[in-house]
């Protein structure tokens, strides 16, 4: 009688893969922040995250890619934070509040420390900047919804791009040692952009 074959192992569900990838990303970022540097080999990151080297490379083709899921998740939380803001609140105030709320899972001080680490090398700096520019679509969608404009409207396309850059610069230039907070810096940057970008003339 032929021996029954074992069923092939079930493929990991997409949400399980994403959860594992995000957990590894957060773990690597915590390591960078703890030591104040990204100067770790892939073997060290593999050991720290608990992944096999093969799995690590499947999730993160390059060492620099390891930070992308956690950064992307924080940027995505902005939309949820924005939805909780009162519609009567000025748009600039809502954007700043959503920015601060979105980083609650990763305390803003740790995010500021991460920003410093990400600017340590050209390769990590490029990934850091790309992550924020990829998040510009999130800011664009938020502004379009609040202003009642189509997503392709020049005002919201420009607004999404400059808010994304402003958010990144706020994290990079904040310094907890002198009381400089990323949220306050973002508010200052958006004020410098003037009121016209964040309102619609209804006359």
N, C-alpha and C. Protein backbone atom coordinates (compact mmCIF):
# COMPACT_ATOMS: atom_id res chain seq x y z
N UNK A 1 0.86 -1.20 0.00
CA UNK A 1 0.00 0.00 0.00
C UNK A 1 0.89 1.23 0.00
N UNK A 2 0.68 2.13 -0.95
CA UNK A 2 1.55 3.31 -1.02
C UNK A 2 1.42 4.16 0.23
N UNK A 3 2.57 4.71 0.62
CA UNK A 3 2.60 5.56 1.82
C UNK A 3 1.98 6.91 1.49
N UNK A 4 1.13 7.37 2.38
CA UNK A 4 0.48 8.67 2.17
C UNK A 4 1.52 9.78 2.25
N UNK A 5 1.42 10.71 1.34
CA UNK A 5 2.35 11.83 1.33
C UNK A 5 1.91 12.90 2.33
N UNK A 6 2.89 13.49 2.95
CA UNK A 6 2.58 14.60 3.87
C UNK A 6 2.14 15.80 3.07
N UNK A 7 1.19 16.52 3.61
CA UNK A 7 0.73 17.74 2.94
C UNK A 7 1.85 18.77 2.97
N UNK A 8 2.03 19.52 1.88
CA UNK A 8 3.06 20.56 1.87
C UNK A 8 2.76 21.60 2.93
N UNK A 9 3.79 22.19 3.49
CA UNK A 9 3.55 23.22 4.51
C UNK A 9 2.75 24.37 3.95
N UNK A 10 1.82 24.85 4.73
CA UNK A 10 0.98 25.96 4.28
C UNK A 10 1.81 27.22 4.16
N UNK A 11 1.54 27.95 3.09
CA UNK A 11 2.25 29.22 2.91
C UNK A 11 1.79 30.21 3.97
N UNK A 12 2.70 31.03 4.38
CA UNK A 12 2.36 32.03 5.39
C UNK A 12 1.33 33.00 4.82
N UNK A 13 0.33 33.30 5.61
CA UNK A 13 -0.67 34.27 5.18
C UNK A 13 -0.02 35.63 5.06
N UNK A 14 -0.50 36.45 4.09
CA UNK A 14 0.11 37.77 3.90
C UNK A 14 0.17 38.61 5.16
N UNK A 15 -0.91 38.53 5.99
CA UNK A 15 -0.90 39.37 7.19
C UNK A 15 0.14 38.88 8.20
N UNK A 16 0.41 37.55 8.19
CA UNK A 16 1.45 37.02 9.07
C UNK A 16 2.82 37.49 8.62
N UNK A 17 3.05 37.47 7.32
CA UNK A 17 4.32 37.95 6.77
C UNK A 17 4.52 39.41 7.09
N UNK A 18 3.47 40.20 6.89
CA UNK A 18 3.58 41.63 7.17
C UNK A 18 3.83 41.90 8.65
N UNK A 19 3.17 41.12 9.49
CA UNK A 19 3.37 41.29 10.94
C UNK A 19 4.80 40.93 11.34
N UNK A 20 5.32 39.86 10.77
CA UNK A 20 6.69 39.44 11.07
C UNK A 20 7.69 40.47 10.55
N UNK A 21 7.45 40.96 9.34
CA UNK A 21 8.34 41.96 8.75
C UNK A 21 8.34 43.23 9.59
N UNK A 22 7.16 43.66 10.02
CA UNK A 22 7.07 44.87 10.83
C UNK A 22 7.77 44.68 12.18
N UNK A 23 7.58 43.52 12.79
CA UNK A 23 8.23 43.26 14.08
C UNK A 23 9.74 43.29 13.94
N UNK A 24 10.25 42.71 12.86
CA UNK A 24 11.69 42.72 12.63
C UNK A 24 12.19 44.14 12.38
N UNK A 25 11.41 44.92 11.65
CA UNK A 25 11.78 46.31 11.38
C UNK A 25 11.85 47.11 12.67
N UNK A 26 10.86 46.94 13.51
CA UNK A 26 10.85 47.66 14.80
C UNK A 26 12.03 47.23 15.67
N UNK A 27 12.33 45.93 15.64
CA UNK A 27 13.43 45.42 16.45
C UNK A 27 14.76 46.01 16.00
N UNK A 28 14.96 46.09 14.69
CA UNK A 28 16.20 46.66 14.16
C UNK A 28 16.30 48.14 14.49
N UNK A 29 15.19 48.85 14.37
CA UNK A 29 15.19 50.28 14.68
C UNK A 29 15.51 50.49 16.16
N UNK A 30 14.94 49.67 17.02
CA UNK A 30 15.24 49.78 18.46
C UNK A 30 16.72 49.58 18.72
N UNK A 31 17.33 48.67 17.98
CA UNK A 31 18.77 48.43 18.12
C UNK A 31 19.56 49.66 17.69
N UNK A 32 19.18 50.25 16.57
CA UNK A 32 19.86 51.44 16.08
C UNK A 32 19.76 52.58 17.10
N UNK A 33 18.56 52.78 17.63
CA UNK A 33 18.35 53.87 18.57
C UNK A 33 19.13 53.63 19.87
N UNK A 34 19.10 52.39 20.34
CA UNK A 34 19.79 52.06 21.59
C UNK A 34 21.29 52.36 21.50
N UNK A 35 21.88 52.06 20.35
CA UNK A 35 23.32 52.23 20.20
C UNK A 35 23.69 53.52 19.48
N UNK A 36 22.69 54.25 18.97
CA UNK A 36 22.96 55.51 18.31
C UNK A 36 23.70 55.38 17.00
N UNK A 37 23.55 54.24 16.34
CA UNK A 37 24.23 54.02 15.07
C UNK A 37 23.53 52.92 14.28
N UNK A 38 23.72 52.94 12.97
CA UNK A 38 23.20 51.88 12.09
C UNK A 38 24.33 50.96 11.65
N UNK A 39 25.49 51.10 12.27
CA UNK A 39 26.68 50.36 11.86
C UNK A 39 26.66 48.93 12.39
N UNK A 40 25.75 48.15 11.82
CA UNK A 40 25.64 46.73 12.15
C UNK A 40 25.67 45.93 10.86
N UNK A 41 26.23 44.75 10.92
CA UNK A 41 26.23 43.87 9.76
C UNK A 41 24.88 43.17 9.64
N UNK A 42 24.62 42.62 8.46
CA UNK A 42 23.38 41.87 8.28
C UNK A 42 23.33 40.69 9.24
N UNK A 43 24.46 40.03 9.45
CA UNK A 43 24.48 38.90 10.39
C UNK A 43 24.09 39.34 11.80
N UNK A 44 24.52 40.52 12.20
CA UNK A 44 24.14 41.03 13.52
C UNK A 44 22.65 41.34 13.57
N UNK A 45 22.11 41.90 12.49
CA UNK A 45 20.68 42.20 12.44
C UNK A 45 19.86 40.91 12.42
N UNK A 46 20.34 39.92 11.69
CA UNK A 46 19.67 38.62 11.66
C UNK A 46 19.59 38.04 13.07
N UNK A 47 20.70 38.09 13.78
CA UNK A 47 20.74 37.57 15.15
C UNK A 47 19.80 38.34 16.07
N UNK A 48 19.76 39.66 15.90
CA UNK A 48 18.95 40.49 16.79
C UNK A 48 17.46 40.32 16.52
N UNK A 49 17.08 40.22 15.24
CA UNK A 49 15.66 40.14 14.89
C UNK A 49 15.10 38.73 15.04
N UNK A 50 15.98 37.73 15.11
CA UNK A 50 15.50 36.36 15.25
C UNK A 50 15.09 35.71 13.94
N UNK A 51 15.33 36.37 12.82
CA UNK A 51 15.03 35.79 11.52
C UNK A 51 16.21 34.96 11.04
N UNK A 52 15.95 34.04 10.14
CA UNK A 52 17.05 33.37 9.46
C UNK A 52 17.62 34.34 8.43
N UNK A 53 18.85 34.12 8.02
CA UNK A 53 19.44 35.03 7.03
C UNK A 53 18.66 35.00 5.73
N UNK A 54 18.19 33.82 5.35
CA UNK A 54 17.41 33.69 4.11
C UNK A 54 16.12 34.50 4.21
N UNK A 55 15.43 34.37 5.34
CA UNK A 55 14.18 35.12 5.52
C UNK A 55 14.45 36.61 5.58
N UNK A 56 15.53 37.00 6.24
CA UNK A 56 15.87 38.42 6.33
C UNK A 56 16.01 39.01 4.93
N UNK A 57 16.75 38.34 4.07
CA UNK A 57 16.95 38.87 2.71
C UNK A 57 15.67 38.81 1.89
N UNK A 58 14.78 37.87 2.20
CA UNK A 58 13.51 37.83 1.48
C UNK A 58 12.65 39.03 1.86
N UNK A 59 12.68 39.40 3.13
CA UNK A 59 11.91 40.55 3.59
C UNK A 59 12.60 41.88 3.27
N UNK A 60 13.92 41.88 3.37
CA UNK A 60 14.69 43.12 3.23
C UNK A 60 15.86 42.88 2.27
N UNK A 61 15.67 43.17 0.97
CA UNK A 61 16.73 42.90 -0.01
C UNK A 61 18.07 43.56 0.32
N UNK A 62 18.02 44.71 0.99
CA UNK A 62 19.25 45.36 1.44
C UNK A 62 19.13 45.66 2.93
N UNK A 63 20.26 45.88 3.57
CA UNK A 63 20.24 46.19 5.00
C UNK A 63 19.40 47.43 5.28
N UNK A 64 19.49 48.41 4.39
CA UNK A 64 18.78 49.67 4.60
C UNK A 64 17.27 49.49 4.55
N UNK A 65 16.81 48.47 3.82
CA UNK A 65 15.36 48.25 3.71
C UNK A 65 14.71 47.86 5.03
N UNK A 66 15.51 47.47 6.01
CA UNK A 66 14.95 46.99 7.27
C UNK A 66 14.15 48.06 8.01
N UNK A 67 14.42 49.33 7.74
CA UNK A 67 13.70 50.39 8.46
C UNK A 67 12.38 50.76 7.79
N UNK A 68 12.19 50.34 6.55
CA UNK A 68 11.04 50.83 5.78
C UNK A 68 9.68 50.48 6.38
N UNK A 69 9.42 49.23 6.78
CA UNK A 69 8.07 48.91 7.28
C UNK A 69 7.65 49.74 8.48
N UNK A 70 8.54 49.93 9.44
CA UNK A 70 8.17 50.68 10.65
C UNK A 70 7.93 52.15 10.33
N UNK A 71 8.75 52.73 9.46
CA UNK A 71 8.56 54.13 9.08
C UNK A 71 7.25 54.28 8.31
N UNK A 72 7.00 53.36 7.37
CA UNK A 72 5.78 53.43 6.57
C UNK A 72 4.54 53.30 7.46
N UNK A 73 4.62 52.43 8.47
CA UNK A 73 3.47 52.25 9.36
C UNK A 73 3.18 53.53 10.12
N UNK A 74 4.22 54.20 10.59
CA UNK A 74 4.02 55.45 11.33
C UNK A 74 3.39 56.51 10.44
N UNK A 75 3.83 56.57 9.19
CA UNK A 75 3.26 57.54 8.26
C UNK A 75 1.80 57.21 7.96
N UNK A 76 1.49 55.92 7.83
CA UNK A 76 0.11 55.51 7.55
C UNK A 76 -0.82 55.84 8.71
N UNK A 77 -0.30 55.85 9.92
CA UNK A 77 -1.14 56.16 11.08
C UNK A 77 -1.62 57.61 11.06
N UNK A 78 -0.98 58.44 10.26
CA UNK A 78 -1.37 59.85 10.20
C UNK A 78 -2.82 59.99 9.75
N UNK A 79 -3.22 59.16 8.77
CA UNK A 79 -4.59 59.24 8.28
C UNK A 79 -5.60 58.95 9.38
N UNK A 80 -5.34 57.92 10.17
CA UNK A 80 -6.24 57.58 11.27
C UNK A 80 -6.26 58.68 12.32
N UNK A 81 -5.09 59.25 12.59
CA UNK A 81 -5.02 60.34 13.57
C UNK A 81 -5.77 61.56 13.05
N UNK A 82 -5.66 61.80 11.75
CA UNK A 82 -6.33 62.96 11.16
C UNK A 82 -7.85 62.80 11.24
N UNK A 83 -8.33 61.58 11.08
CA UNK A 83 -9.77 61.33 11.11
C UNK A 83 -10.37 61.64 12.48
N UNK A 84 -9.54 61.63 13.50
CA UNK A 84 -10.03 61.92 14.86
C UNK A 84 -10.05 63.41 15.17
N UNK A 85 -9.49 64.22 14.30
CA UNK A 85 -9.46 65.66 14.55
C UNK A 85 -10.81 66.28 14.20
N UNK A 86 -11.25 67.29 14.96
CA UNK A 86 -12.53 67.95 14.66
C UNK A 86 -12.47 68.68 13.32
N UNK A 87 -13.55 68.60 12.57
CA UNK A 87 -13.59 69.22 11.24
C UNK A 87 -13.48 70.73 11.33
N UNK A 88 -13.85 71.29 12.47
CA UNK A 88 -13.80 72.75 12.61
C UNK A 88 -12.39 73.25 12.94
N UNK A 89 -11.49 72.37 13.22
CA UNK A 89 -10.12 72.76 13.58
C UNK A 89 -9.38 73.23 12.33
N UNK A 90 -8.60 74.31 12.43
CA UNK A 90 -7.81 74.75 11.27
C UNK A 90 -6.95 73.61 10.74
N UNK A 91 -6.84 73.52 9.41
CA UNK A 91 -6.15 72.40 8.79
C UNK A 91 -4.71 72.27 9.27
N UNK A 92 -4.01 73.40 9.37
CA UNK A 92 -2.61 73.33 9.83
C UNK A 92 -2.51 72.73 11.23
N UNK A 93 -3.41 73.13 12.11
CA UNK A 93 -3.40 72.58 13.48
C UNK A 93 -3.68 71.08 13.47
N UNK A 94 -4.60 70.67 12.60
CA UNK A 94 -4.93 69.24 12.51
C UNK A 94 -3.75 68.43 11.98
N UNK A 95 -3.04 68.98 11.00
CA UNK A 95 -1.89 68.28 10.43
C UNK A 95 -0.80 68.07 11.48
N UNK A 96 -0.56 69.10 12.27
CA UNK A 96 0.47 69.00 13.32
C UNK A 96 0.04 67.98 14.38
N UNK A 97 -1.22 68.06 14.80
CA UNK A 97 -1.72 67.13 15.82
C UNK A 97 -1.67 65.69 15.32
N UNK A 98 -2.04 65.47 14.05
CA UNK A 98 -2.01 64.12 13.48
C UNK A 98 -0.58 63.61 13.40
N UNK A 99 0.35 64.49 13.06
CA UNK A 99 1.76 64.11 13.00
C UNK A 99 2.25 63.64 14.36
N UNK A 100 1.91 64.37 15.40
CA UNK A 100 2.34 64.01 16.75
C UNK A 100 1.67 62.70 17.19
N UNK A 101 0.35 62.59 16.97
CA UNK A 101 -0.39 61.40 17.39
C UNK A 101 0.10 60.14 16.66
N UNK A 102 0.50 60.30 15.40
CA UNK A 102 0.89 59.14 14.59
C UNK A 102 2.15 58.47 15.09
N UNK A 103 2.94 59.18 15.87
CA UNK A 103 4.20 58.62 16.36
C UNK A 103 4.10 58.18 17.81
N UNK A 104 2.87 58.06 18.33
CA UNK A 104 2.70 57.66 19.73
C UNK A 104 3.27 56.26 19.97
N UNK A 105 3.04 55.34 19.02
CA UNK A 105 3.54 53.97 19.18
C UNK A 105 5.07 53.94 19.21
N UNK A 106 5.68 54.90 18.54
CA UNK A 106 7.13 55.07 18.59
C UNK A 106 7.34 56.46 19.16
N UNK A 107 7.58 56.58 20.47
CA UNK A 107 7.65 57.91 21.10
C UNK A 107 8.47 58.89 20.29
N UNK A 108 7.98 60.12 20.24
CA UNK A 108 8.57 61.13 19.36
C UNK A 108 10.06 61.31 19.64
N UNK A 109 10.48 61.17 20.90
CA UNK A 109 11.90 61.32 21.21
C UNK A 109 12.72 60.23 20.53
N UNK A 110 12.17 59.03 20.48
CA UNK A 110 12.87 57.93 19.80
C UNK A 110 12.87 58.14 18.30
N UNK A 111 11.80 58.73 17.78
CA UNK A 111 11.74 59.04 16.36
C UNK A 111 12.79 60.07 15.99
N UNK A 112 12.98 61.05 16.87
CA UNK A 112 14.00 62.06 16.64
C UNK A 112 15.39 61.43 16.68
N UNK A 113 15.60 60.50 17.60
CA UNK A 113 16.88 59.80 17.68
C UNK A 113 17.11 58.97 16.41
N UNK A 114 16.03 58.35 15.91
CA UNK A 114 16.13 57.57 14.68
C UNK A 114 16.52 58.47 13.52
N UNK A 115 15.95 59.66 13.47
CA UNK A 115 16.27 60.59 12.38
C UNK A 115 17.77 60.88 12.33
N UNK A 116 18.38 61.02 13.49
CA UNK A 116 19.82 61.27 13.53
C UNK A 116 20.60 60.07 13.02
N UNK A 117 20.17 58.88 13.41
CA UNK A 117 20.85 57.66 12.95
C UNK A 117 20.70 57.50 11.44
N UNK A 118 19.51 57.81 10.92
CA UNK A 118 19.25 57.63 9.50
C UNK A 118 20.08 58.58 8.63
N UNK A 119 20.57 59.63 9.20
CA UNK A 119 21.40 60.56 8.44
C UNK A 119 22.89 60.30 8.64
N UNK A 120 23.19 59.15 9.21
CA UNK A 120 24.58 58.79 9.49
C UNK A 120 25.33 58.38 8.22
N UNK A 121 24.62 57.74 7.28
CA UNK A 121 25.23 57.30 6.03
C UNK A 121 24.37 57.73 4.86
N UNK A 122 24.97 57.84 3.68
CA UNK A 122 24.23 58.24 2.49
C UNK A 122 23.14 57.22 2.14
N UNK A 123 23.44 55.94 2.33
CA UNK A 123 22.47 54.91 1.93
C UNK A 123 21.24 54.92 2.83
N UNK A 124 21.44 55.07 4.14
CA UNK A 124 20.29 55.15 5.03
C UNK A 124 19.56 56.47 4.86
N UNK A 125 20.29 57.54 4.59
CA UNK A 125 19.66 58.84 4.38
C UNK A 125 18.71 58.78 3.18
N UNK A 126 19.15 58.10 2.12
CA UNK A 126 18.32 57.98 0.92
C UNK A 126 17.03 57.22 1.22
N UNK A 127 17.12 56.13 1.97
CA UNK A 127 15.93 55.35 2.33
C UNK A 127 15.00 56.18 3.20
N UNK A 128 15.55 56.90 4.16
CA UNK A 128 14.78 57.77 5.05
C UNK A 128 14.01 58.82 4.26
N UNK A 129 14.69 59.48 3.33
CA UNK A 129 14.04 60.51 2.53
C UNK A 129 12.99 59.92 1.61
N UNK A 130 13.30 58.77 1.01
CA UNK A 130 12.34 58.12 0.12
C UNK A 130 11.07 57.72 0.87
N UNK A 131 11.23 57.27 2.10
CA UNK A 131 10.06 56.85 2.89
C UNK A 131 9.12 58.02 3.12
N UNK A 132 9.67 59.18 3.41
CA UNK A 132 8.82 60.34 3.65
C UNK A 132 8.20 60.86 2.36
N UNK A 133 8.94 60.80 1.26
CA UNK A 133 8.35 61.25 0.00
C UNK A 133 7.26 60.28 -0.46
N UNK A 134 7.45 59.00 -0.18
CA UNK A 134 6.39 58.03 -0.50
C UNK A 134 5.14 58.33 0.32
N UNK A 135 5.35 58.88 1.51
CA UNK A 135 4.22 59.24 2.37
C UNK A 135 3.53 60.53 1.97
N UNK A 136 4.07 61.22 0.96
CA UNK A 136 3.45 62.47 0.52
C UNK A 136 2.02 62.23 0.04
N UNK A 137 1.77 61.05 -0.55
CA UNK A 137 0.42 60.75 -1.03
C UNK A 137 -0.59 60.72 0.11
N UNK A 138 -0.11 60.32 1.29
CA UNK A 138 -0.98 60.31 2.47
C UNK A 138 -1.38 61.73 2.84
N UNK A 139 -0.40 62.63 2.89
CA UNK A 139 -0.70 64.04 3.20
C UNK A 139 -1.58 64.65 2.11
N UNK A 140 -1.33 64.30 0.85
CA UNK A 140 -2.13 64.82 -0.25
C UNK A 140 -3.59 64.40 -0.11
N UNK A 141 -3.82 63.13 0.20
CA UNK A 141 -5.19 62.64 0.37
C UNK A 141 -5.88 63.33 1.53
N UNK A 142 -5.15 63.56 2.61
CA UNK A 142 -5.71 64.24 3.78
C UNK A 142 -6.13 65.66 3.42
N UNK A 143 -5.23 66.38 2.74
CA UNK A 143 -5.54 67.76 2.39
C UNK A 143 -6.68 67.84 1.40
N UNK A 144 -6.72 66.93 0.44
CA UNK A 144 -7.80 66.93 -0.55
C UNK A 144 -9.15 66.73 0.13
N UNK A 145 -9.19 65.79 1.06
CA UNK A 145 -10.45 65.50 1.75
C UNK A 145 -10.90 66.68 2.60
N UNK A 146 -9.98 67.29 3.31
CA UNK A 146 -10.34 68.40 4.20
C UNK A 146 -10.69 69.67 3.43
N UNK A 147 -10.02 69.89 2.31
CA UNK A 147 -10.27 71.11 1.54
C UNK A 147 -11.37 70.94 0.50
N UNK A 148 -11.82 69.69 0.30
CA UNK A 148 -12.86 69.45 -0.70
C UNK A 148 -12.36 69.63 -2.12
N UNK A 149 -11.09 69.29 -2.34
CA UNK A 149 -10.48 69.42 -3.66
C UNK A 149 -10.10 68.05 -4.19
N UNK A 150 -10.01 67.89 -5.52
CA UNK A 150 -9.57 66.60 -6.06
C UNK A 150 -8.10 66.35 -5.72
N UNK A 151 -7.69 65.09 -5.58
CA UNK A 151 -6.30 64.79 -5.21
C UNK A 151 -5.27 65.32 -6.19
N UNK A 152 -5.68 65.54 -7.44
CA UNK A 152 -4.73 66.04 -8.43
C UNK A 152 -4.68 67.56 -8.49
N UNK A 153 -5.46 68.23 -7.65
CA UNK A 153 -5.44 69.70 -7.64
C UNK A 153 -4.04 70.19 -7.26
N UNK A 154 -3.50 71.18 -7.99
CA UNK A 154 -2.14 71.67 -7.70
C UNK A 154 -1.92 72.03 -6.24
N UNK A 155 -2.93 72.61 -5.60
CA UNK A 155 -2.77 73.03 -4.21
C UNK A 155 -2.50 71.84 -3.29
N UNK A 156 -3.23 70.74 -3.48
CA UNK A 156 -3.03 69.60 -2.58
C UNK A 156 -1.82 68.76 -2.97
N UNK A 157 -1.49 68.72 -4.26
CA UNK A 157 -0.27 68.01 -4.68
C UNK A 157 0.95 68.70 -4.09
N UNK A 158 0.99 70.03 -4.22
CA UNK A 158 2.09 70.79 -3.63
C UNK A 158 2.06 70.67 -2.11
N UNK A 159 0.87 70.79 -1.54
CA UNK A 159 0.74 70.71 -0.09
C UNK A 159 1.23 69.38 0.46
N UNK A 160 0.85 68.28 -0.18
CA UNK A 160 1.30 66.97 0.28
C UNK A 160 2.80 66.83 0.26
N UNK A 161 3.42 67.35 -0.81
CA UNK A 161 4.88 67.25 -0.94
C UNK A 161 5.60 68.07 0.11
N UNK A 162 5.18 69.31 0.31
CA UNK A 162 5.90 70.18 1.24
C UNK A 162 5.64 69.79 2.70
N UNK A 163 4.45 69.25 2.99
CA UNK A 163 4.19 68.79 4.35
C UNK A 163 5.05 67.56 4.65
N UNK A 164 5.21 66.67 3.67
CA UNK A 164 6.05 65.49 3.86
C UNK A 164 7.49 65.89 4.15
N UNK A 165 8.01 66.84 3.39
CA UNK A 165 9.38 67.32 3.61
C UNK A 165 9.47 68.02 4.97
N UNK A 166 8.47 68.82 5.29
CA UNK A 166 8.47 69.54 6.57
C UNK A 166 8.46 68.58 7.75
N UNK A 167 7.69 67.49 7.64
CA UNK A 167 7.64 66.50 8.71
C UNK A 167 9.00 65.85 8.91
N UNK A 168 9.65 65.53 7.80
CA UNK A 168 10.98 64.91 7.90
C UNK A 168 11.99 65.88 8.52
N UNK A 169 11.97 67.12 8.07
CA UNK A 169 12.90 68.11 8.61
C UNK A 169 12.64 68.38 10.08
N UNK A 170 11.38 68.34 10.47
CA UNK A 170 11.04 68.56 11.89
C UNK A 170 11.66 67.48 12.76
N UNK A 171 11.60 66.23 12.31
CA UNK A 171 12.20 65.14 13.07
C UNK A 171 13.72 65.26 13.09
N UNK A 172 14.30 65.67 11.97
CA UNK A 172 15.75 65.74 11.88
C UNK A 172 16.35 66.88 12.69
N UNK A 173 15.62 67.97 12.79
CA UNK A 173 16.18 69.17 13.42
C UNK A 173 15.75 69.39 14.86
N UNK A 174 14.79 68.61 15.33
CA UNK A 174 14.39 68.72 16.73
C UNK A 174 15.53 68.22 17.63
N UNK A 175 15.66 68.85 18.77
CA UNK A 175 16.73 68.48 19.71
C UNK A 175 16.17 68.51 21.13
N UNK A 176 15.84 67.33 21.68
CA UNK A 176 15.26 67.29 23.04
C UNK A 176 16.16 67.93 24.09
N UNK A 177 17.45 67.99 23.81
CA UNK A 177 18.38 68.55 24.81
C UNK A 177 18.13 70.02 25.07
N UNK A 178 17.64 70.73 24.04
CA UNK A 178 17.35 72.16 24.25
C UNK A 178 15.86 72.44 24.22
N UNK A 179 15.06 71.38 24.37
CA UNK A 179 13.61 71.56 24.44
C UNK A 179 12.93 71.74 23.10
N UNK A 180 13.66 71.50 22.01
CA UNK A 180 13.08 71.64 20.67
C UNK A 180 12.31 70.37 20.32
N UNK A 181 11.00 70.52 20.11
CA UNK A 181 10.12 69.38 19.86
C UNK A 181 9.74 69.33 18.39
N UNK A 182 9.69 68.12 17.83
CA UNK A 182 9.39 67.96 16.42
C UNK A 182 8.02 68.52 16.05
N UNK A 183 7.04 68.35 16.93
CA UNK A 183 5.71 68.89 16.65
C UNK A 183 5.71 70.40 16.56
N UNK A 184 6.45 71.05 17.46
CA UNK A 184 6.54 72.51 17.43
C UNK A 184 7.27 72.99 16.18
N UNK A 185 8.31 72.25 15.79
CA UNK A 185 9.03 72.63 14.58
C UNK A 185 8.15 72.50 13.35
N UNK A 186 7.37 71.42 13.28
CA UNK A 186 6.47 71.25 12.14
C UNK A 186 5.47 72.40 12.09
N UNK A 187 4.91 72.77 13.23
CA UNK A 187 3.97 73.89 13.27
C UNK A 187 4.63 75.16 12.75
N UNK A 188 5.88 75.38 13.14
CA UNK A 188 6.60 76.57 12.68
C UNK A 188 6.82 76.52 11.18
N UNK A 189 7.23 75.37 10.67
CA UNK A 189 7.47 75.24 9.22
C UNK A 189 6.18 75.50 8.43
N UNK A 190 5.08 74.94 8.90
CA UNK A 190 3.82 75.12 8.16
C UNK A 190 3.35 76.57 8.23
N UNK A 191 3.65 77.25 9.33
CA UNK A 191 3.31 78.67 9.43
C UNK A 191 4.11 79.48 8.41
N UNK A 192 5.38 79.11 8.23
CA UNK A 192 6.22 79.81 7.26
C UNK A 192 5.70 79.66 5.83
N UNK A 193 4.97 78.58 5.57
CA UNK A 193 4.44 78.36 4.23
C UNK A 193 3.27 79.29 3.91
N UNK A 194 2.72 79.93 4.93
CA UNK A 194 1.62 80.87 4.71
C UNK A 194 0.27 80.19 4.75
N UNK A 195 -0.81 80.98 4.87
CA UNK A 195 -2.15 80.41 5.05
C UNK A 195 -2.81 79.90 3.78
N UNK A 196 -2.41 80.40 2.61
CA UNK A 196 -3.13 80.07 1.38
C UNK A 196 -3.07 78.59 1.02
N UNK A 197 -1.99 77.93 1.40
CA UNK A 197 -1.84 76.52 1.06
C UNK A 197 -2.83 75.64 1.82
N UNK A 198 -3.32 76.13 2.94
CA UNK A 198 -4.12 75.30 3.84
C UNK A 198 -5.58 75.75 3.93
N UNK A 199 -6.02 76.53 2.98
CA UNK A 199 -7.41 76.99 2.98
C UNK A 199 -7.87 77.18 1.55
N UNK A 200 -9.17 77.25 1.39
CA UNK A 200 -9.77 77.46 0.07
C UNK A 200 -10.62 78.71 0.13
N UNK A 201 -10.44 79.58 -0.83
CA UNK A 201 -11.23 80.81 -0.89
C UNK A 201 -12.63 80.46 -1.37
N UNK A 202 -13.60 80.66 -0.51
CA UNK A 202 -14.99 80.30 -0.86
C UNK A 202 -15.78 81.46 -1.42
N UNK A 203 -15.14 82.63 -1.53
CA UNK A 203 -15.87 83.80 -2.06
C UNK A 203 -16.12 83.65 -3.55
